[in-house]
Amino acid sequence: MKPMHLLSLPALATALLLTSCTWTKRPQSEVAVPNSWQQKSGSSAVSLDTARLAQWWTRFNDPVLNRIIADALQSSPDVRTTLARIDEARARKGVARSALFPTLSGDVSGQGAYTDNRQTGLTKTDSYSSALSLSWEIDLFGKLRQSVRASSADLAQAEENFYGAQVTLAASVAESYIDLRAAEAQLAVYERNVATRSDTVQITRWKQQAGEGNGFETQQAASTLEQARATIPTLKLSITQTKNRLALLSGKTPGALDSLLGKARSVPRPPSTLAIGIPADTLRQRPDVRAAERGVEAAAARTKSAEREQLPSLKLNGDLGTTASRAAAFLSPETAAASVLGSLSAPIFNAGRIKQTILIQSAQEKQALISYESTVLTALSEVENALAAVRRTQERLNTLDGAVTSAREAAKLASQSFEAGQADLLQVLDTQRTLLSLEEQQTLTLGDNATAHVQLYRSLGGGWSKNG
């Protein structure tokens, strides 16, 4: 077997002198995270219970809501899409990591040739050959390792985006479910009001027949009745559309959830207390904040990889081959030949390509950092807004509860006085309109308060679990 030869490599110091390196300055975030929330809303500032926060919807004590969210998290197209993106990111990381290892290729061939010679006649000549080729770029200065780190950060970001999709989906399903129950509650309010106004119309007709009333009062009462009745189709349409929206969020066809949602239920009531933690807790819990942070890490690694393009690269190339005229001698050591070549190369002139690539990656790193800062600010703002909404809707609900109680009593007394002939129709209709308005506001505020809690849970990063 022929000896292997390794070509002498140029001195590394000489190559370094040929390279002028420009290192970019790492950008730093300037977001100052506050120590506490501006809006406390009567909630405790103890550390977040992330285990309970992972399935916050169970605190509404609504089994239908629990089932719909559980199904949606399993079958939603949005969640399944983010899972596929994790697979893609994992494969891309594998591609980047493979660059750290040698590549080996092989080739085997055989050839037979016939020659017609006048003296020797027809002769056959056989030849066999095989070759193994190896190529390996030694990662002297970590350029390839930085690419692997960038791919690892991309994979981590894809995983955080999956968690974020769970958070968004759970909140969207809960909000739609609350809209559905609020619309059903409104429908019940209008149906009760229609029944009451129908009784009033009947009383005015009896009075007109008895000569104690007139046609004007009858028509006026009938007008208010039809006005309330006209709202019912709109509410039924809203109910149907909301059911279809829930089916869509769950990855099901329209009507697939109708049997589960068929029986009307009250608007879910949120828990009275919630441990909201401190702003730092929220930033650690929210997947979108962590995803943005992984984006910064990926961009920084790609900037470092681009910077290392300015440094020399070492490549090894090797070949091992055999050539024989007989198949029996194909694997004989005497027919083998091998060679190894090492080369050290460094960029000298590239018309600014490397420098511009570094500037591109540095700008993308800066964009990623700005996006991270924006995500942090958005997270803090969403929590503050949700806390304020929880507090103000609860205050409004407390006021409306008292107002509705008084309005019901007033409407009852006005109706009794009208039947006894001690009050006119206008007083009855006025109290009925007031009661309808207040009951409608009460129902809407119940929904708004529940939705505010959902938004608070979402803004705190609830809806996913590392162990889920």
Protein backbone atom coordinates (compact mmCIF):
# COMPACT_ATOMS: atom_id res chain seq x y z
CA MET A 1 0.00 0.00 0.00
CA LYS A 2 1.34 3.42 -0.92
CA PRO A 3 2.20 5.78 1.93
CA MET A 4 -0.10 8.68 2.81
CA HIS A 5 1.27 12.23 2.53
CA LEU A 6 0.06 15.32 4.42
CA LEU A 7 0.94 18.65 2.84
CA SER A 8 2.57 21.16 5.21
CA LEU A 9 0.15 23.93 6.31
CA PRO A 10 1.01 27.65 6.25
CA ALA A 11 1.53 29.22 9.60
CA LEU A 12 -1.71 30.37 11.18
CA ALA A 13 -0.19 33.65 12.25
CA THR A 14 0.59 34.56 8.64
CA ALA A 15 -3.03 34.00 7.65
CA LEU A 16 -4.27 36.10 10.55
CA LEU A 17 -2.16 39.01 9.32
CA LEU A 18 -3.97 38.84 5.99
CA THR A 19 -7.33 39.30 7.68
CA SER A 20 -8.68 42.52 9.14
CA CYS A 21 -11.49 41.73 11.61
CA THR A 22 -14.33 44.09 12.46
CA TRP A 23 -16.31 43.01 15.55
CA THR A 24 -19.73 44.50 16.09
CA LYS A 25 -20.86 45.77 19.46
CA ARG A 26 -23.66 43.73 21.02
CA PRO A 27 -26.87 45.79 21.44
CA GLN A 28 -28.39 45.88 24.92
CA SER A 29 -32.04 46.10 25.97
CA GLU A 30 -33.09 49.34 27.64
CA VAL A 31 -36.46 48.23 29.05
CA ALA A 32 -36.77 48.87 32.79
CA VAL A 33 -39.16 46.35 34.36
CA PRO A 34 -41.18 47.82 37.28
CA ASN A 35 -41.18 46.14 40.67
CA SER A 36 -44.98 46.11 41.05
CA TRP A 37 -48.19 46.64 39.12
CA GLN A 38 -49.97 49.99 39.00
CA GLN A 39 -53.34 48.25 39.17
CA LYS A 40 -53.69 45.72 41.96
CA SER A 41 -57.45 45.03 41.64
CA GLY A 42 -57.53 43.48 45.10
CA SER A 43 -55.36 40.59 43.96
CA SER A 44 -52.41 39.18 45.82
CA ALA A 45 -48.89 39.95 44.65
CA VAL A 46 -47.45 36.64 45.81
CA SER A 47 -45.55 34.50 43.32
CA LEU A 48 -47.56 33.07 40.45
CA ASP A 49 -48.86 29.55 40.90
CA THR A 50 -47.86 28.40 37.42
CA ALA A 51 -49.38 24.95 37.94
CA ARG A 52 -52.86 26.42 38.47
CA LEU A 53 -52.27 29.13 35.90
CA ALA A 54 -51.67 26.45 33.27
CA GLN A 55 -55.37 25.50 33.39
CA TRP A 56 -56.91 28.72 34.62
CA TRP A 57 -60.25 28.05 32.87
CA THR A 58 -61.07 25.34 35.42
CA ARG A 59 -61.45 28.11 38.02
CA PHE A 60 -64.67 29.21 36.26
CA ASN A 61 -66.25 25.91 37.36
CA ASP A 62 -67.90 25.30 34.00
CA PRO A 63 -67.47 21.70 32.77
CA VAL A 64 -68.58 22.56 29.23
CA LEU A 65 -65.92 25.26 28.97
CA ASN A 66 -63.31 22.83 30.31
CA ARG A 67 -64.18 20.22 27.72
CA ILE A 68 -64.22 22.61 24.77
CA ILE A 69 -60.82 24.10 25.63
CA ALA A 70 -59.31 20.63 26.17
CA ASP A 71 -60.60 19.50 22.77
CA ALA A 72 -59.42 22.67 21.06
CA LEU A 73 -55.89 22.31 22.43
CA GLN A 74 -55.75 18.85 20.88
CA SER A 75 -57.31 19.47 17.48
CA SER A 76 -56.94 23.17 16.65
CA PRO A 77 -55.27 23.76 13.24
CA ASP A 78 -53.27 26.64 14.70
CA VAL A 79 -51.74 24.47 17.42
CA ARG A 80 -50.99 21.63 15.01
CA THR A 81 -49.31 24.10 12.66
CA THR A 82 -46.98 25.31 15.40
CA LEU A 83 -46.13 21.69 16.22
CA ALA A 84 -45.14 21.14 12.59
CA ARG A 85 -42.93 24.23 12.77
CA ILE A 86 -41.14 22.69 15.75
CA ASP A 87 -40.37 19.63 13.62
CA GLU A 88 -39.07 21.91 10.89
CA ALA A 89 -36.85 23.85 13.31
CA ARG A 90 -35.50 20.61 14.80
CA ALA A 91 -34.58 19.34 11.33
CA ARG A 92 -32.88 22.65 10.47
CA LYS A 93 -30.83 22.35 13.65
CA GLY A 94 -29.77 18.89 12.53
CA VAL A 95 -28.67 20.28 9.17
CA ALA A 96 -26.59 22.99 10.87
CA ARG A 97 -25.03 20.48 13.27
CA SER A 98 -24.07 18.13 10.43
CA ALA A 99 -21.67 20.79 9.13
CA LEU A 100 -19.43 20.11 12.14
CA PHE A 101 -18.67 16.58 10.94
CA PRO A 102 -16.80 15.20 7.93
CA THR A 103 -18.59 14.16 4.78
CA LEU A 104 -17.70 10.86 3.17
CA SER A 105 -18.66 9.72 -0.30
CA GLY A 106 -17.87 6.54 -2.18
CA ASP A 107 -17.75 5.34 -5.77
CA VAL A 108 -17.30 1.89 -7.30
CA SER A 109 -17.05 1.18 -11.03
CA GLY A 110 -16.13 -1.63 -13.35
CA GLN A 111 -15.46 -1.63 -17.09
CA GLY A 112 -14.91 -4.29 -19.75
CA ALA A 113 -13.53 -3.49 -23.21
CA TYR A 114 -13.10 -5.78 -26.26
CA THR A 115 -10.30 -5.20 -28.83
CA ASP A 116 -10.18 -6.90 -32.24
CA ASN A 117 -6.53 -7.50 -33.17
CA ARG A 118 -5.50 -9.33 -36.38
CA GLN A 119 -2.67 -11.13 -34.67
CA THR A 120 -4.18 -11.98 -31.29
CA GLY A 121 -7.78 -11.94 -32.28
CA LEU A 122 -10.54 -10.63 -30.04
CA THR A 123 -9.21 -9.71 -26.57
CA LYS A 124 -10.98 -8.47 -23.48
CA THR A 125 -9.58 -5.91 -21.07
CA ASP A 126 -11.17 -5.46 -17.61
CA SER A 127 -10.65 -2.61 -15.14
CA TYR A 128 -12.09 -2.08 -11.68
CA SER A 129 -11.84 0.97 -9.46
CA SER A 130 -13.20 2.27 -6.19
CA ALA A 131 -12.78 5.51 -4.30
CA LEU A 132 -13.62 7.03 -0.94
CA SER A 133 -13.54 10.81 -0.64
CA LEU A 134 -13.53 12.70 2.65
CA SER A 135 -14.07 16.42 3.15
CA TRP A 136 -14.02 18.21 6.50
CA GLU A 137 -14.02 21.86 7.45
CA ILE A 138 -12.40 22.25 10.85
CA ASP A 139 -14.32 24.81 12.89
CA LEU A 140 -11.25 26.70 14.08
CA PHE A 141 -12.96 29.88 15.28
CA GLY A 142 -16.49 28.66 16.01
CA LYS A 143 -18.25 29.90 12.88
CA LEU A 144 -20.13 26.64 12.46
CA ARG A 145 -20.81 26.32 16.19
CA GLN A 146 -22.43 29.74 16.14
CA SER A 147 -24.69 28.56 13.33
CA VAL A 148 -25.67 25.57 15.47
CA ARG A 149 -26.40 27.91 18.39
CA ALA A 150 -28.58 30.03 16.13
CA SER A 151 -30.50 26.95 15.01
CA SER A 152 -30.89 25.83 18.62
CA ALA A 153 -32.33 29.24 19.49
CA ASP A 154 -34.67 28.94 16.49
CA LEU A 155 -35.88 25.60 17.81
CA ALA A 156 -36.43 27.04 21.29
CA GLN A 157 -38.33 29.95 19.74
CA ALA A 158 -40.55 27.55 17.79
CA GLU A 159 -41.34 25.71 21.02
CA GLU A 160 -42.21 28.98 22.76
CA ASN A 161 -44.44 29.91 19.82
CA PHE A 162 -46.24 26.60 20.33
CA TYR A 163 -46.83 27.48 23.97
CA GLY A 164 -47.96 30.94 22.88
CA ALA A 165 -50.45 29.41 20.46
CA GLN A 166 -51.89 27.41 23.35
CA VAL A 167 -52.25 30.57 25.43
CA THR A 168 -53.98 32.46 22.63
CA LEU A 169 -56.25 29.56 21.71
CA ALA A 170 -57.43 28.92 25.27
CA ALA A 171 -58.22 32.62 25.72
CA SER A 172 -60.00 32.86 22.34
CA VAL A 173 -62.17 29.82 23.11
CA ALA A 174 -63.02 31.15 26.57
CA GLU A 175 -63.90 34.61 25.22
CA SER A 176 -66.14 33.10 22.52
CA TYR A 177 -67.78 30.84 25.08
CA ILE A 178 -68.48 33.83 27.34
CA ASP A 179 -69.91 35.71 24.35
CA LEU A 180 -72.21 32.75 23.71
CA ARG A 181 -73.48 32.56 27.29
CA ALA A 182 -73.87 36.35 27.45
CA ALA A 183 -75.93 36.30 24.24
CA GLU A 184 -78.09 33.49 25.64
CA ALA A 185 -78.58 35.48 28.85
CA GLN A 186 -79.58 38.52 26.81
CA LEU A 187 -82.03 36.38 24.86
CA ALA A 188 -83.57 35.22 28.13
CA VAL A 189 -83.87 38.85 29.28
CA TYR A 190 -85.69 39.86 26.11
CA GLU A 191 -87.96 36.83 26.19
CA ARG A 192 -88.97 37.67 29.78
CA ASN A 193 -89.53 41.28 28.77
CA VAL A 194 -91.62 40.20 25.78
CA ALA A 195 -93.76 38.06 28.07
CA THR A 196 -94.25 40.99 30.47
CA ARG A 197 -95.09 43.40 27.68
CA SER A 198 -97.49 40.88 26.19
CA ASP A 199 -99.35 40.86 29.50
CA THR A 200 -99.44 44.67 29.44
CA VAL A 201 -100.88 44.66 25.91
CA GLN A 202 -103.56 42.20 26.98
CA ILE A 203 -104.49 44.39 29.96
CA THR A 204 -104.82 47.48 27.74
CA ARG A 205 -107.10 45.55 25.38
CA TRP A 206 -109.30 44.44 28.26
CA LYS A 207 -109.50 48.02 29.50
CA GLN A 208 -110.36 49.25 26.01
CA GLN A 209 -113.12 46.67 25.74
CA ALA A 210 -114.41 47.72 29.17
CA GLY A 211 -114.42 51.37 28.12
CA GLU A 212 -111.67 52.28 30.57
CA GLY A 213 -108.94 52.70 27.94
CA ASN A 214 -108.49 53.74 24.34
CA GLY A 215 -106.92 52.46 21.16
CA PHE A 216 -103.91 54.77 21.50
CA GLU A 217 -102.75 53.06 24.68
CA THR A 218 -103.27 49.63 23.13
CA GLN A 219 -101.24 50.47 20.04
CA GLN A 220 -98.53 52.12 22.12
CA ALA A 221 -98.19 49.01 24.28
CA ALA A 222 -98.18 46.79 21.17
CA SER A 223 -95.44 48.95 19.62
CA THR A 224 -93.10 48.53 22.57
CA LEU A 225 -93.82 44.79 22.55
CA GLU A 226 -92.80 44.40 18.90
CA GLN A 227 -89.75 46.58 19.46
CA ALA A 228 -88.46 44.16 22.08
CA ARG A 229 -89.47 41.16 20.00
CA ALA A 230 -87.50 42.45 16.97
CA THR A 231 -84.21 42.09 18.87
CA ILE A 232 -84.67 38.35 19.44
CA PRO A 233 -83.72 37.21 15.87
CA THR A 234 -80.51 39.24 16.08
CA LEU A 235 -79.56 37.55 19.34
CA LYS A 236 -80.35 34.10 17.93
CA LEU A 237 -78.13 34.85 14.92
CA SER A 238 -75.32 35.90 17.24
CA ILE A 239 -75.71 32.65 19.20
CA THR A 240 -75.49 30.56 16.02
CA GLN A 241 -72.44 32.43 14.76
CA THR A 242 -70.67 32.13 18.11
CA LYS A 243 -71.27 28.37 18.19
CA ASN A 244 -69.76 28.12 14.72
CA ARG A 245 -66.78 30.21 15.83
CA LEU A 246 -66.18 27.83 18.72
CA ALA A 247 -66.32 24.89 16.31
CA LEU A 248 -63.80 26.60 14.05
CA LEU A 249 -61.41 27.26 16.94
CA SER A 250 -61.71 23.60 17.90
CA GLY A 251 -60.94 22.39 14.40
CA LYS A 252 -64.45 21.03 13.86
CA THR A 253 -67.18 21.56 11.28
CA PRO A 254 -70.05 24.00 11.94
CA GLY A 255 -72.67 22.43 14.18
CA ALA A 256 -70.30 19.82 15.62
CA LEU A 257 -70.54 21.39 19.10
CA ASP A 258 -74.25 22.19 19.03
CA SER A 259 -75.24 19.19 21.14
CA LEU A 260 -72.63 20.06 23.75
CA LEU A 261 -73.59 23.74 23.73
CA GLY A 262 -77.32 23.20 23.24
CA LYS A 263 -78.40 23.71 26.83
CA ALA A 264 -78.14 27.34 27.87
CA ARG A 265 -75.96 28.03 30.88
CA SER A 266 -75.26 31.15 32.88
CA VAL A 267 -72.29 33.39 32.15
CA PRO A 268 -69.21 31.81 33.82
CA ARG A 269 -68.30 33.53 37.07
CA PRO A 270 -64.58 34.12 37.64
CA PRO A 271 -62.89 33.49 41.00
CA SER A 272 -62.88 36.34 43.48
CA THR A 273 -59.11 36.34 44.05
CA LEU A 274 -56.05 35.81 41.89
CA ALA A 275 -52.33 35.77 42.67
CA ILE A 276 -50.86 38.00 39.98
CA GLY A 277 -47.27 37.98 41.15
CA ILE A 278 -44.86 40.72 40.10
CA PRO A 279 -43.97 41.96 36.60
CA ALA A 280 -40.82 39.82 36.51
CA ASP A 281 -42.98 36.71 37.11
CA THR A 282 -45.10 37.56 34.10
CA LEU A 283 -42.12 38.08 31.81
CA ARG A 284 -40.72 34.69 32.83
CA GLN A 285 -44.09 33.00 32.31
CA ARG A 286 -45.19 34.52 28.99
CA PRO A 287 -44.18 32.39 25.98
CA ASP A 288 -44.15 35.35 23.59
CA VAL A 289 -41.57 37.18 25.74
CA ARG A 290 -39.37 34.11 25.91
CA ALA A 291 -39.80 33.51 22.18
CA ALA A 292 -38.66 37.07 21.48
CA GLU A 293 -35.66 36.50 23.75
CA ARG A 294 -34.75 33.35 21.83
CA GLY A 295 -35.03 35.41 18.65
CA VAL A 296 -32.41 37.81 20.00
CA GLU A 297 -30.13 34.89 20.84
CA ALA A 298 -30.49 33.45 17.33
CA ALA A 299 -29.76 36.80 15.70
CA ALA A 300 -26.72 37.38 17.93
CA ALA A 301 -25.31 33.95 17.06
CA ARG A 302 -25.74 34.62 13.35
CA THR A 303 -23.93 37.94 13.74
CA LYS A 304 -21.01 36.16 15.42
CA SER A 305 -20.98 33.53 12.70
CA ALA A 306 -20.84 36.25 10.04
CA GLU A 307 -17.97 37.96 11.87
CA ARG A 308 -15.98 34.74 11.87
CA GLU A 309 -16.18 34.65 8.08
CA GLN A 310 -13.27 37.12 8.23
CA LEU A 311 -11.01 34.51 9.87
CA PRO A 312 -9.08 31.71 8.16
CA SER A 313 -10.75 28.38 7.53
CA LEU A 314 -9.06 24.99 7.60
CA LYS A 315 -10.30 22.25 5.30
CA LEU A 316 -9.13 18.66 5.02
CA ASN A 317 -9.70 16.59 1.90
CA GLY A 318 -8.78 12.92 1.66
CA ASP A 319 -9.04 10.22 -0.99
CA LEU A 320 -8.62 6.47 -0.79
CA GLY A 321 -8.89 4.50 -4.02
CA THR A 322 -8.08 1.17 -5.67
CA THR A 323 -7.55 0.24 -9.30
CA ALA A 324 -7.19 -3.32 -10.60
CA SER A 325 -7.44 -5.22 -13.85
CA ARG A 326 -8.77 -8.35 -12.18
CA ALA A 327 -11.71 -8.66 -9.83
CA ALA A 328 -9.69 -10.96 -7.59
CA ALA A 329 -7.10 -8.23 -7.01
CA PHE A 330 -9.69 -5.53 -6.44
CA LEU A 331 -9.27 -5.50 -2.66
CA SER A 332 -5.55 -6.19 -2.65
CA PRO A 333 -3.50 -3.66 -0.60
CA GLU A 334 -1.04 -3.32 -3.48
CA THR A 335 -3.73 -1.72 -5.64
CA ALA A 336 -4.66 0.98 -3.09
CA ALA A 337 -3.59 4.61 -3.12
CA ALA A 338 -4.39 7.30 -0.58
CA SER A 339 -3.85 11.02 -0.16
CA VAL A 340 -4.74 13.71 2.33
CA LEU A 341 -4.69 17.42 1.58
CA GLY A 342 -5.05 20.17 4.14
CA SER A 343 -5.65 23.78 3.13
CA LEU A 344 -5.82 26.96 5.16
CA SER A 345 -7.48 29.85 3.42
CA ALA A 346 -8.31 33.39 4.47
CA PRO A 347 -10.28 36.12 2.71
CA ILE A 348 -8.12 38.94 1.36
CA PHE A 349 -10.40 40.82 -1.02
CA ASN A 350 -14.13 40.26 -1.51
CA ALA A 351 -15.36 43.76 -2.41
CA GLY A 352 -16.87 44.25 1.05
CA ARG A 353 -19.18 41.23 0.87
CA ILE A 354 -18.27 39.91 4.31
CA LYS A 355 -18.44 43.34 5.89
CA GLN A 356 -21.88 44.00 4.43
CA THR A 357 -23.07 40.57 5.57
CA ILE A 358 -21.95 41.44 9.10
CA LEU A 359 -23.86 44.73 8.88
CA ILE A 360 -26.97 42.87 7.69
CA GLN A 361 -26.82 40.39 10.56
CA SER A 362 -26.08 43.17 13.04
CA ALA A 363 -29.12 45.11 11.82
CA GLN A 364 -31.27 41.98 12.13
CA GLU A 365 -29.95 41.48 15.66
CA LYS A 366 -30.93 45.05 16.49
CA GLN A 367 -34.40 44.46 15.03
CA ALA A 368 -34.78 41.32 17.13
CA LEU A 369 -33.81 43.26 20.24
CA ILE A 370 -36.31 46.02 19.46
CA SER A 371 -38.97 43.35 18.87
CA TYR A 372 -38.11 41.86 22.26
CA GLU A 373 -38.44 45.26 23.95
CA SER A 374 -41.78 45.82 22.22
CA THR A 375 -43.00 42.40 23.37
CA VAL A 376 -42.00 43.16 26.96
CA LEU A 377 -43.77 46.53 26.89
CA THR A 378 -46.86 44.94 25.34
CA ALA A 379 -46.89 42.26 28.04
CA LEU A 380 -46.71 44.81 30.85
CA SER A 381 -49.39 46.97 29.22
CA GLU A 382 -51.74 44.02 28.69
CA VAL A 383 -51.54 43.02 32.35
CA GLU A 384 -52.18 46.58 33.53
CA ASN A 385 -55.13 46.96 31.15
CA ALA A 386 -56.60 43.63 32.22
CA LEU A 387 -56.23 44.46 35.90
CA ALA A 388 -57.98 47.79 35.33
CA ALA A 389 -60.75 46.07 33.35
CA VAL A 390 -61.28 43.49 36.10
CA ARG A 391 -61.56 46.22 38.70
CA ARG A 392 -63.80 48.61 36.77
CA THR A 393 -66.19 45.98 35.40
CA GLN A 394 -66.63 44.60 38.91
CA GLU A 395 -67.44 48.08 40.21
CA ARG A 396 -69.97 48.57 37.39
CA LEU A 397 -71.48 45.16 38.03
CA ASN A 398 -71.96 45.90 41.72
CA THR A 399 -73.81 49.12 40.85
CA LEU A 400 -75.95 47.44 38.21
CA ASP A 401 -76.96 44.64 40.57
CA GLY A 402 -78.54 47.19 42.90
CA ALA A 403 -80.10 49.13 40.03
CA VAL A 404 -81.69 45.99 38.53
CA THR A 405 -83.18 45.02 41.90
CA SER A 406 -84.77 48.45 42.24
CA ALA A 407 -85.96 48.50 38.62
CA ARG A 408 -87.69 45.13 38.99
CA GLU A 409 -89.52 46.32 42.08
CA ALA A 410 -90.53 49.56 40.33
CA ALA A 411 -91.80 47.67 37.27
CA LYS A 412 -93.78 45.31 39.49
CA LEU A 413 -95.40 48.17 41.44
CA ALA A 414 -96.17 50.13 38.27
CA SER A 415 -97.86 47.09 36.70
CA GLN A 416 -99.94 46.49 39.83
CA SER A 417 -100.95 50.17 39.99
CA PHE A 418 -101.92 50.14 36.31
CA GLU A 419 -104.11 47.06 36.77
CA ALA A 420 -105.78 48.79 39.71
CA GLY A 421 -106.30 51.95 37.69
CA GLN A 422 -103.98 54.02 39.88
CA ALA A 423 -101.25 54.62 37.24
CA ASP A 424 -101.24 55.36 33.54
CA LEU A 425 -99.71 53.21 30.80
CA LEU A 426 -96.75 55.53 30.26
CA GLN A 427 -95.44 54.79 33.76
CA VAL A 428 -95.69 51.06 33.13
CA LEU A 429 -93.92 51.23 29.77
CA ASP A 430 -91.23 53.50 31.16
CA THR A 431 -90.43 51.14 34.03
CA GLN A 432 -90.36 48.20 31.64
CA ARG A 433 -87.92 49.97 29.30
CA THR A 434 -85.74 50.91 32.25
CA LEU A 435 -85.71 47.34 33.55
CA LEU A 436 -84.88 45.94 30.10
CA SER A 437 -82.02 48.39 29.66
CA LEU A 438 -80.56 47.69 33.08
CA GLU A 439 -80.88 43.89 32.74
CA GLU A 440 -79.20 44.07 29.35
CA GLN A 441 -76.36 46.16 30.78
CA GLN A 442 -76.04 43.77 33.70
CA THR A 443 -75.74 40.78 31.36
CA LEU A 444 -73.21 42.52 29.15
CA THR A 445 -71.16 43.58 32.16
CA LEU A 446 -71.19 40.03 33.50
CA GLY A 447 -69.67 38.97 30.20
CA ASP A 448 -67.21 41.89 30.22
CA ASN A 449 -66.06 41.03 33.72
CA ALA A 450 -65.53 37.37 32.84
CA THR A 451 -63.72 38.37 29.64
CA ALA A 452 -61.50 40.76 31.60
CA HIS A 453 -60.43 37.83 33.80
CA VAL A 454 -59.72 35.75 30.70
CA GLN A 455 -57.58 38.57 29.31
CA LEU A 456 -55.77 38.81 32.63
CA TYR A 457 -55.02 35.09 32.67
CA ARG A 458 -53.79 35.31 29.06
CA SER A 459 -51.63 38.37 29.76
CA LEU A 460 -50.05 36.52 32.71
CA GLY A 461 -49.05 33.73 30.33
CA GLY A 462 -51.62 31.17 31.47
CA GLY A 463 -52.77 28.38 29.21
CA TRP A 464 -49.77 26.11 28.82
CA SER A 465 -47.58 23.87 30.92
CA LYS A 466 -44.07 22.47 30.39
CA ASN A 467 -45.37 19.20 31.73
CA GLY A 468 -48.46 19.25 29.54
